[in-house]
Amino acid sequence: MKDKRFKIAHREAVIGIALVLFNFIWWFGFAYGMGGGDPTEYRYIFGMPEWFFYSCVLGFIVVVILVFIVVNYIFKEVPFEDDEDGGEQR
């Protein structure tokens, strides 16, 4: 019988990779999508170019909130012991 801890760990690893990919796509999309134009035509938010604010500042905030939600509501507590007595299972 396969240990269910590995199934949980694999699922959580896939979720972590998905969050990293989401973060990269968000950053890349705003940084290069909005930042590729003429700098004289940039719009500014709080003194920062719009592309920088959306890619780095807002992106960071969104990803922190997503990680918080995932860790608190989706990830599960997994015991490190093999069985309930804490001994090895044979």
PDB file of N, CA and C in Angstrom:
ATOM      1  N   MET A   1       0.850  -1.187   0.000  1.00  0.00           N
ATOM      2  CA  MET A   1       0.000   0.000   0.000  1.00  0.00           C
ATOM      3  C   MET A   1       0.889   1.241   0.000  1.00  0.00           C
ATOM      4  N   LYS A   2       0.573   2.160  -0.845  1.00  0.00           N
ATOM      5  CA  LYS A   2       1.349   3.384  -0.949  1.00  0.00           C
ATOM      6  C   LYS A   2       0.962   4.336   0.175  1.00  0.00           C
ATOM      7  N   ASP A   3       1.962   4.983   0.743  1.00  0.00           N
ATOM      8  CA  ASP A   3       1.742   5.905   1.846  1.00  0.00           C
ATOM      9  C   ASP A   3       0.992   7.144   1.352  1.00  0.00           C
ATOM     10  N   LYS A   4      -0.112   7.484   2.011  1.00  0.00           N
ATOM     11  CA  LYS A   4      -0.921   8.618   1.562  1.00  0.00           C
ATOM     12  C   LYS A   4      -0.218   9.952   1.772  1.00  0.00           C
ATOM     13  N   ARG A   5       0.820   9.971   2.618  1.00  0.00           N
ATOM     14  CA  ARG A   5       1.565  11.218   2.822  1.00  0.00           C
ATOM     15  C   ARG A   5       2.242  11.673   1.536  1.00  0.00           C
ATOM     16  N   PHE A   6       2.696  10.703   0.728  1.00  0.00           N
ATOM     17  CA  PHE A   6       3.356  11.059  -0.526  1.00  0.00           C
ATOM     18  C   PHE A   6       2.352  11.638  -1.522  1.00  0.00           C
ATOM     19  N   LYS A   7       1.140  11.116  -1.506  1.00  0.00           N
ATOM     20  CA  LYS A   7       0.100  11.653  -2.379  1.00  0.00           C
ATOM     21  C   LYS A   7      -0.217  13.098  -1.998  1.00  0.00           C
ATOM     22  N   ILE A   8      -0.323  13.368  -0.704  1.00  0.00           N
ATOM     23  CA  ILE A   8      -0.592  14.728  -0.221  1.00  0.00           C
ATOM     24  C   ILE A   8       0.572  15.648  -0.557  1.00  0.00           C
ATOM     25  N   ALA A   9       1.799  15.169  -0.327  1.00  0.00           N
ATOM     26  CA  ALA A   9       2.981  15.984  -0.615  1.00  0.00           C
ATOM     27  C   ALA A   9       3.082  16.301  -2.106  1.00  0.00           C
ATOM     28  N   HIS A  10       2.769  15.326  -2.954  1.00  0.00           N
ATOM     29  CA  HIS A  10       2.809  15.547  -4.395  1.00  0.00           C
ATOM     30  C   HIS A  10       1.772  16.592  -4.803  1.00  0.00           C
ATOM     31  N   ARG A  11       0.566  16.479  -4.276  1.00  0.00           N
ATOM     32  CA  ARG A  11      -0.502  17.439  -4.583  1.00  0.00           C
ATOM     33  C   ARG A  11      -0.103  18.843  -4.147  1.00  0.00           C
ATOM     34  N   GLU A  12       0.476  18.968  -2.960  1.00  0.00           N
ATOM     35  CA  GLU A  12       0.880  20.280  -2.471  1.00  0.00           C
ATOM     36  C   GLU A  12       2.054  20.846  -3.266  1.00  0.00           C
ATOM     37  N   ALA A  13       2.943  19.976  -3.740  1.00  0.00           N
ATOM     38  CA  ALA A  13       4.045  20.430  -4.592  1.00  0.00           C
ATOM     39  C   ALA A  13       3.513  20.976  -5.913  1.00  0.00           C
ATOM     40  N   VAL A  14       2.532  20.307  -6.483  1.00  0.00           N
ATOM     41  CA  VAL A  14       1.926  20.773  -7.738  1.00  0.00           C
ATOM     42  C   VAL A  14       1.255  22.124  -7.512  1.00  0.00           C
ATOM     43  N   ILE A  15       0.580  22.302  -6.395  1.00  0.00           N
ATOM     44  CA  ILE A  15      -0.057  23.581  -6.083  1.00  0.00           C
ATOM     45  C   ILE A  15       1.015  24.661  -5.936  1.00  0.00           C
ATOM     46  N   GLY A  16       2.111  24.346  -5.278  1.00  0.00           N
ATOM     47  CA  GLY A  16       3.209  25.307  -5.130  1.00  0.00           C
ATOM     48  C   GLY A  16       3.796  25.714  -6.468  1.00  0.00           C
ATOM     49  N   ILE A  17       3.993  24.751  -7.355  1.00  0.00           N
ATOM     50  CA  ILE A  17       4.508  25.058  -8.692  1.00  0.00           C
ATOM     51  C   ILE A  17       3.510  25.922  -9.461  1.00  0.00           C
ATOM     52  N   ALA A  18       2.229  25.630  -9.319  1.00  0.00           N
ATOM     53  CA  ALA A  18       1.205  26.442  -9.989  1.00  0.00           C
ATOM     54  C   ALA A  18       1.238  27.889  -9.492  1.00  0.00           C
ATOM     55  N   LEU A  19       1.448  28.082  -8.192  1.00  0.00           N
ATOM     56  CA  LEU A  19       1.544  29.437  -7.652  1.00  0.00           C
ATOM     57  C   LEU A  19       2.765  30.167  -8.197  1.00  0.00           C
ATOM     58  N   VAL A  20       3.881  29.471  -8.303  1.00  0.00           N
ATOM     59  CA  VAL A  20       5.093  30.085  -8.861  1.00  0.00           C
ATOM     60  C   VAL A  20       4.870  30.471 -10.323  1.00  0.00           C
ATOM     61  N   LEU A  21       4.261  29.584 -11.092  1.00  0.00           N
ATOM     62  CA  LEU A  21       3.985  29.889 -12.494  1.00  0.00           C
ATOM     63  C   LEU A  21       3.016  31.070 -12.627  1.00  0.00           C
ATOM     64  N   PHE A  22       1.994  31.100 -11.789  1.00  0.00           N
ATOM     65  CA  PHE A  22       1.057  32.227 -11.792  1.00  0.00           C
ATOM     66  C   PHE A  22       1.793  33.529 -11.497  1.00  0.00           C
ATOM     67  N   ASN A  23       2.685  33.509 -10.487  1.00  0.00           N
ATOM     68  CA  ASN A  23       3.450  34.695 -10.130  1.00  0.00           C
ATOM     69  C   ASN A  23       4.315  35.154 -11.297  1.00  0.00           C
ATOM     70  N   PHE A  24       4.987  34.214 -11.954  1.00  0.00           N
ATOM     71  CA  PHE A  24       5.845  34.581 -13.075  1.00  0.00           C
ATOM     72  C   PHE A  24       5.036  35.137 -14.231  1.00  0.00           C
ATOM     73  N   ILE A  25       3.927  34.504 -14.572  1.00  0.00           N
ATOM     74  CA  ILE A  25       3.091  34.979 -15.689  1.00  0.00           C
ATOM     75  C   ILE A  25       2.536  36.366 -15.378  1.00  0.00           C
ATOM     76  N   TRP A  26       2.083  36.579 -14.149  1.00  0.00           N
ATOM     77  CA  TRP A  26       1.587  37.897 -13.738  1.00  0.00           C
ATOM     78  C   TRP A  26       2.689  38.939 -13.910  1.00  0.00           C
ATOM     79  N   TRP A  27       3.872  38.653 -13.337  1.00  0.00           N
ATOM     80  CA  TRP A  27       4.981  39.601 -13.399  1.00  0.00           C
ATOM     81  C   TRP A  27       5.390  39.868 -14.844  1.00  0.00           C
ATOM     82  N   PHE A  28       5.597  38.825 -15.608  1.00  0.00           N
ATOM     83  CA  PHE A  28       6.050  38.958 -16.986  1.00  0.00           C
ATOM     84  C   PHE A  28       5.022  39.702 -17.830  1.00  0.00           C
ATOM     85  N   GLY A  29       3.755  39.356 -17.659  1.00  0.00           N
ATOM     86  CA  GLY A  29       2.700  39.986 -18.446  1.00  0.00           C
ATOM     87  C   GLY A  29       2.620  41.484 -18.234  1.00  0.00           C
ATOM     88  N   PHE A  30       2.659  41.910 -16.970  1.00  0.00           N
ATOM     89  CA  PHE A  30       2.581  43.349 -16.708  1.00  0.00           C
ATOM     90  C   PHE A  30       3.902  44.048 -17.002  1.00  0.00           C
ATOM     91  N   ALA A  31       5.026  43.454 -16.635  1.00  0.00           N
ATOM     92  CA  ALA A  31       6.320  44.114 -16.819  1.00  0.00           C
ATOM     93  C   ALA A  31       6.641  44.312 -18.295  1.00  0.00           C
ATOM     94  N   TYR A  32       6.464  43.273 -19.087  1.00  0.00           N
ATOM     95  CA  TYR A  32       6.805  43.388 -20.502  1.00  0.00           C
ATOM     96  C   TYR A  32       5.618  43.799 -21.362  1.00  0.00           C
ATOM     97  N   GLY A  33       4.418  43.544 -20.891  1.00  0.00           N
ATOM     98  CA  GLY A  33       3.245  43.950 -21.655  1.00  0.00           C
ATOM     99  C   GLY A  33       3.013  45.446 -21.596  1.00  0.00           C
ATOM    100  N   MET A  34       3.135  46.026 -20.401  1.00  0.00           N
ATOM    101  CA  MET A  34       2.906  47.458 -20.247  1.00  0.00           C
ATOM    102  C   MET A  34       4.209  48.261 -20.301  1.00  0.00           C
ATOM    103  N   GLY A  35       5.327  47.620 -19.997  1.00  0.00           N
ATOM    104  CA  GLY A  35       6.596  48.341 -19.902  1.00  0.00           C
ATOM    105  C   GLY A  35       7.358  48.422 -21.206  1.00  0.00           C
ATOM    106  N   GLY A  36       6.811  47.877 -22.272  1.00  0.00           N
ATOM    107  CA  GLY A  36       7.529  47.863 -23.530  1.00  0.00           C
ATOM    108  C   GLY A  36       7.352  49.111 -24.369  1.00  0.00           C
ATOM    109  N   GLY A  37       6.572  50.048 -23.893  1.00  0.00           N
ATOM    110  CA  GLY A  37       6.293  51.246 -24.683  1.00  0.00           C
ATOM    111  C   GLY A  37       7.324  52.343 -24.475  1.00  0.00           C
ATOM    112  N   ASP A  38       7.021  53.496 -24.999  1.00  0.00           N
ATOM    113  CA  ASP A  38       7.886  54.667 -24.863  1.00  0.00           C
ATOM    114  C   ASP A  38       7.806  55.195 -23.426  1.00  0.00           C
ATOM    115  N   PRO A  39       8.947  55.338 -22.732  1.00  0.00           N
ATOM    116  CA  PRO A  39       8.918  55.815 -21.343  1.00  0.00           C
ATOM    117  C   PRO A  39       8.292  57.194 -21.152  1.00  0.00           C
ATOM    118  N   THR A  40       8.275  58.000 -22.186  1.00  0.00           N
ATOM    119  CA  THR A  40       7.652  59.324 -22.038  1.00  0.00           C
ATOM    120  C   THR A  40       6.130  59.228 -21.972  1.00  0.00           C
ATOM    121  N   GLU A  41       5.579  58.084 -22.362  1.00  0.00           N
ATOM    122  CA  GLU A  41       4.126  57.900 -22.340  1.00  0.00           C
ATOM    123  C   GLU A  41       3.645  57.070 -21.146  1.00  0.00           C
ATOM    124  N   TYR A  42       4.543  56.733 -20.227  1.00  0.00           N
ATOM    125  CA  TYR A  42       4.154  55.940 -19.055  1.00  0.00           C
ATOM    126  C   TYR A  42       3.192  56.724 -18.173  1.00  0.00           C
ATOM    127  N   ARG A  43       2.264  55.994 -17.560  1.00  0.00           N
ATOM    128  CA  ARG A  43       1.404  56.563 -16.523  1.00  0.00           C
ATOM    129  C   ARG A  43       1.978  56.101 -15.196  1.00  0.00           C
ATOM    130  N   TYR A  44       1.730  56.871 -14.150  1.00  0.00           N
ATOM    131  CA  TYR A  44       2.355  56.593 -12.856  1.00  0.00           C
ATOM    132  C   TYR A  44       1.309  56.370 -11.772  1.00  0.00           C
ATOM    133  N   ILE A  45       1.629  55.453 -10.856  1.00  0.00           N
ATOM    134  CA  ILE A  45       0.805  55.181  -9.678  1.00  0.00           C
ATOM    135  C   ILE A  45       1.727  55.292  -8.474  1.00  0.00           C
ATOM    136  N   PHE A  46       1.419  56.190  -7.558  1.00  0.00           N
ATOM    137  CA  PHE A  46       2.252  56.446  -6.375  1.00  0.00           C
ATOM    138  C   PHE A  46       3.702  56.736  -6.762  1.00  0.00           C
ATOM    139  N   GLY A  47       3.912  57.414  -7.849  1.00  0.00           N
ATOM    140  CA  GLY A  47       5.248  57.783  -8.285  1.00  0.00           C
ATOM    141  C   GLY A  47       6.017  56.688  -9.005  1.00  0.00           C
ATOM    142  N   MET A  48       5.401  55.539  -9.192  1.00  0.00           N
ATOM    143  CA  MET A  48       6.045  54.422  -9.890  1.00  0.00           C
ATOM    144  C   MET A  48       5.385  54.241 -11.248  1.00  0.00           C
ATOM    145  N   PRO A  49       6.157  53.806 -12.242  1.00  0.00           N
ATOM    146  CA  PRO A  49       5.515  53.506 -13.526  1.00  0.00           C
ATOM    147  C   PRO A  49       4.420  52.452 -13.328  1.00  0.00           C
ATOM    148  N   GLU A  50       3.353  52.598 -14.075  1.00  0.00           N
ATOM    149  CA  GLU A  50       2.189  51.715 -13.946  1.00  0.00           C
ATOM    150  C   GLU A  50       2.573  50.240 -14.093  1.00  0.00           C
ATOM    151  N   TRP A  51       3.438  49.932 -15.065  1.00  0.00           N
ATOM    152  CA  TRP A  51       3.835  48.541 -15.270  1.00  0.00           C
ATOM    153  C   TRP A  51       4.575  47.986 -14.048  1.00  0.00           C
ATOM    154  N   PHE A  52       5.402  48.801 -13.411  1.00  0.00           N
ATOM    155  CA  PHE A  52       6.135  48.349 -12.229  1.00  0.00           C
ATOM    156  C   PHE A  52       5.199  48.136 -11.054  1.00  0.00           C
ATOM    157  N   PHE A  53       4.260  49.060 -10.862  1.00  0.00           N
ATOM    158  CA  PHE A  53       3.314  48.925  -9.760  1.00  0.00           C
ATOM    159  C   PHE A  53       2.505  47.644  -9.885  1.00  0.00           C
ATOM    160  N   TYR A  54       1.955  47.385 -11.095  1.00  0.00           N
ATOM    161  CA  TYR A  54       1.129  46.197 -11.275  1.00  0.00           C
ATOM    162  C   TYR A  54       1.945  44.909 -11.227  1.00  0.00           C
ATOM    163  N   SER A  55       3.144  44.909 -11.802  1.00  0.00           N
ATOM    164  CA  SER A  55       3.924  43.671 -11.852  1.00  0.00           C
ATOM    165  C   SER A  55       4.586  43.358 -10.520  1.00  0.00           C
ATOM    166  N   CYS A  56       5.200  44.344  -9.882  1.00  0.00           N
ATOM    167  CA  CYS A  56       5.996  44.068  -8.678  1.00  0.00           C
ATOM    168  C   CYS A  56       5.259  44.316  -7.369  1.00  0.00           C
ATOM    169  N   VAL A  57       4.543  45.412  -7.264  1.00  0.00           N
ATOM    170  CA  VAL A  57       3.887  45.746  -5.998  1.00  0.00           C
ATOM    171  C   VAL A  57       2.565  44.989  -5.856  1.00  0.00           C
ATOM    172  N   LEU A  58       1.655  45.198  -6.791  1.00  0.00           N
ATOM    173  CA  LEU A  58       0.358  44.526  -6.711  1.00  0.00           C
ATOM    174  C   LEU A  58       0.506  43.013  -6.880  1.00  0.00           C
ATOM    175  N   GLY A  59       1.409  42.594  -7.766  1.00  0.00           N
ATOM    176  CA  GLY A  59       1.655  41.161  -7.953  1.00  0.00           C
ATOM    177  C   GLY A  59       2.117  40.497  -6.674  1.00  0.00           C
ATOM    178  N   PHE A  60       3.025  41.153  -5.944  1.00  0.00           N
ATOM    179  CA  PHE A  60       3.499  40.617  -4.668  1.00  0.00           C
ATOM    180  C   PHE A  60       2.352  40.465  -3.677  1.00  0.00           C
ATOM    181  N   ILE A  61       1.521  41.482  -3.581  1.00  0.00           N
ATOM    182  CA  ILE A  61       0.387  41.449  -2.649  1.00  0.00           C
ATOM    183  C   ILE A  61      -0.583  40.325  -3.021  1.00  0.00           C
ATOM    184  N   VAL A  62      -0.899  40.176  -4.301  1.00  0.00           N
ATOM    185  CA  VAL A  62      -1.811  39.118  -4.753  1.00  0.00           C
ATOM    186  C   VAL A  62      -1.242  37.741  -4.442  1.00  0.00           C
ATOM    187  N   VAL A  63       0.036  37.538  -4.705  1.00  0.00           N
ATOM    188  CA  VAL A  63       0.640  36.223  -4.469  1.00  0.00           C
ATOM    189  C   VAL A  63       0.725  35.922  -2.972  1.00  0.00           C
ATOM    190  N   VAL A  64       1.024  36.898  -2.150  1.00  0.00           N
ATOM    191  CA  VAL A  64       1.048  36.678  -0.694  1.00  0.00           C
ATOM    192  C   VAL A  64      -0.334  36.259  -0.206  1.00  0.00           C
ATOM    193  N   ILE A  65      -1.377  36.910  -0.692  1.00  0.00           N
ATOM    194  CA  ILE A  65      -2.746  36.547  -0.297  1.00  0.00           C
ATOM    195  C   ILE A  65      -3.075  35.132  -0.774  1.00  0.00           C
ATOM    196  N   LEU A  66      -2.704  34.798  -2.007  1.00  0.00           N
ATOM    197  CA  LEU A  66      -2.961  33.444  -2.519  1.00  0.00           C
ATOM    198  C   LEU A  66      -2.221  32.381  -1.711  1.00  0.00           C
ATOM    199  N   VAL A  67      -0.969  32.645  -1.368  1.00  0.00           N
ATOM    200  CA  VAL A  67      -0.201  31.678  -0.569  1.00  0.00           C
ATOM    201  C   VAL A  67      -0.838  31.521   0.805  1.00  0.00           C
ATOM    202  N   PHE A  68      -1.264  32.612   1.413  1.00  0.00           N
ATOM    203  CA  PHE A  68      -1.934  32.547   2.712  1.00  0.00           C
ATOM    204  C   PHE A  68      -3.185  31.673   2.631  1.00  0.00           C
ATOM    205  N   ILE A  69      -3.999  31.891   1.613  1.00  0.00           N
ATOM    206  CA  ILE A  69      -5.226  31.109   1.444  1.00  0.00           C
ATOM    207  C   ILE A  69      -4.903  29.632   1.229  1.00  0.00           C
ATOM    208  N   VAL A  70      -3.934  29.355   0.368  1.00  0.00           N
ATOM    209  CA  VAL A  70      -3.576  27.962   0.069  1.00  0.00           C
ATOM    210  C   VAL A  70      -3.044  27.262   1.312  1.00  0.00           C
ATOM    211  N   VAL A  71      -2.144  27.909   2.043  1.00  0.00           N
ATOM    212  CA  VAL A  71      -1.550  27.275   3.221  1.00  0.00           C
ATOM    213  C   VAL A  71      -2.590  27.053   4.313  1.00  0.00           C
ATOM    214  N   ASN A  72      -3.476  27.989   4.514  1.00  0.00           N
ATOM    215  CA  ASN A  72      -4.437  27.870   5.609  1.00  0.00           C
ATOM    216  C   ASN A  72      -5.676  27.051   5.285  1.00  0.00           C
ATOM    217  N   TYR A  73      -6.062  26.974   4.010  1.00  0.00           N
ATOM    218  CA  TYR A  73      -7.322  26.316   3.689  1.00  0.00           C
ATOM    219  C   TYR A  73      -7.199  25.094   2.785  1.00  0.00           C
ATOM    220  N   ILE A  74      -6.093  24.924   2.097  1.00  0.00           N
ATOM    221  CA  ILE A  74      -5.971  23.800   1.177  1.00  0.00           C
ATOM    222  C   ILE A  74      -4.939  22.778   1.659  1.00  0.00           C
ATOM    223  N   PHE A  75      -3.776  23.251   2.116  1.00  0.00           N
ATOM    224  CA  PHE A  75      -2.752  22.320   2.601  1.00  0.00           C
ATOM    225  C   PHE A  75      -3.250  21.630   3.869  1.00  0.00           C
ATOM    226  N   LYS A  76      -2.780  20.398   4.070  1.00  0.00           N
ATOM    227  CA  LYS A  76      -3.210  19.604   5.212  1.00  0.00           C
ATOM    228  C   LYS A  76      -2.029  19.294   6.114  1.00  0.00           C
ATOM    229  N   GLU A  77      -2.322  19.132   7.399  1.00  0.00           N
ATOM    230  CA  GLU A  77      -1.308  18.713   8.365  1.00  0.00           C
ATOM    231  C   GLU A  77      -1.019  17.235   8.121  1.00  0.00           C
ATOM    232  N   VAL A  78       0.266  16.901   7.999  1.00  0.00           N
ATOM    233  CA  VAL A  78       0.649  15.522   7.728  1.00  0.00           C
ATOM    234  C   VAL A  78       1.556  15.041   8.857  1.00  0.00           C
ATOM    235  N   PRO A  79       1.207  13.935   9.516  1.00  0.00           N
ATOM    236  CA  PRO A  79       2.077  13.421  10.578  1.00  0.00           C
ATOM    237  C   PRO A  79       3.360  12.818   9.985  1.00  0.00           C
ATOM    238  N   PHE A  80       4.460  12.962  10.705  1.00  0.00           N
ATOM    239  CA  PHE A  80       5.740  12.413  10.243  1.00  0.00           C
ATOM    240  C   PHE A  80       5.931  10.957  10.654  1.00  0.00           C
ATOM    241  N   GLU A  81       5.210  10.493  11.656  1.00  0.00           N
ATOM    242  CA  GLU A  81       5.346   9.123  12.121  1.00  0.00           C
ATOM    243  C   GLU A  81       4.692   8.160  11.135  1.00  0.00           C
ATOM    244  N   ASP A  82       5.208   6.934  11.082  1.00  0.00           N
ATOM    245  CA  ASP A  82       4.663   5.923  10.196  1.00  0.00           C
ATOM    246  C   ASP A  82       3.328   5.391  10.688  1.00  0.00           C
ATOM    247  N   ASP A  83       3.178   5.269  11.978  1.00  0.00           N
ATOM    248  CA  ASP A  83       1.901   4.824  12.541  1.00  0.00           C
ATOM    249  C   ASP A  83       1.593   5.671  13.771  1.00  0.00           C
ATOM    250  N   GLU A  84       0.464   5.389  14.396  1.00  0.00           N
ATOM    251  CA  GLU A  84       0.026   6.222  15.508  1.00  0.00           C
ATOM    252  C   GLU A  84       0.879   6.073  16.759  1.00  0.00           C
ATOM    253  N   ASP A  85       1.610   4.935  16.915  1.00  0.00           N
ATOM    254  CA  ASP A  85       2.465   4.733  18.079  1.00  0.00           C
ATOM    255  C   ASP A  85       3.797   5.455  17.933  1.00  0.00           C
ATOM    256  N   GLY A  86       4.121   5.949  16.769  1.00  0.00           N
ATOM    257  CA  GLY A  86       5.373   6.622  16.540  1.00  0.00           C
ATOM    258  C   GLY A  86       6.488   5.689  16.157  1.00  0.00           C
ATOM    259  N   GLY A  87       6.221   4.384  16.106  1.00  0.00           N
ATOM    260  CA  GLY A  87       7.231   3.405  15.732  1.00  0.00           C
ATOM    261  C   GLY A  87       7.192   3.122  14.261  1.00  0.00           C
ATOM    262  N   GLU A  88       8.122   2.279  13.831  1.00  0.00           N
ATOM    263  CA  GLU A  88       8.156   1.935  12.409  1.00  0.00           C
ATOM    264  C   GLU A  88       7.078   0.917  12.068  1.00  0.00           C
ATOM    265  N   GLN A  89       6.565   1.022  10.900  1.00  0.00           N
ATOM    266  CA  GLN A  89       5.555   0.095  10.415  1.00  0.00           C
ATOM    267  C   GLN A  89       6.249  -0.960   9.560  1.00  0.00           C
ATOM    268  N   ARG A  90       5.949  -2.222   9.783  1.00  0.00           N
ATOM    269  CA  ARG A  90       6.603  -3.297   9.033  1.00  0.00           C
ATOM    270  C   ARG A  90       5.595  -4.187   8.393  1.00  0.00           C
TER     271      ARG A  90
END
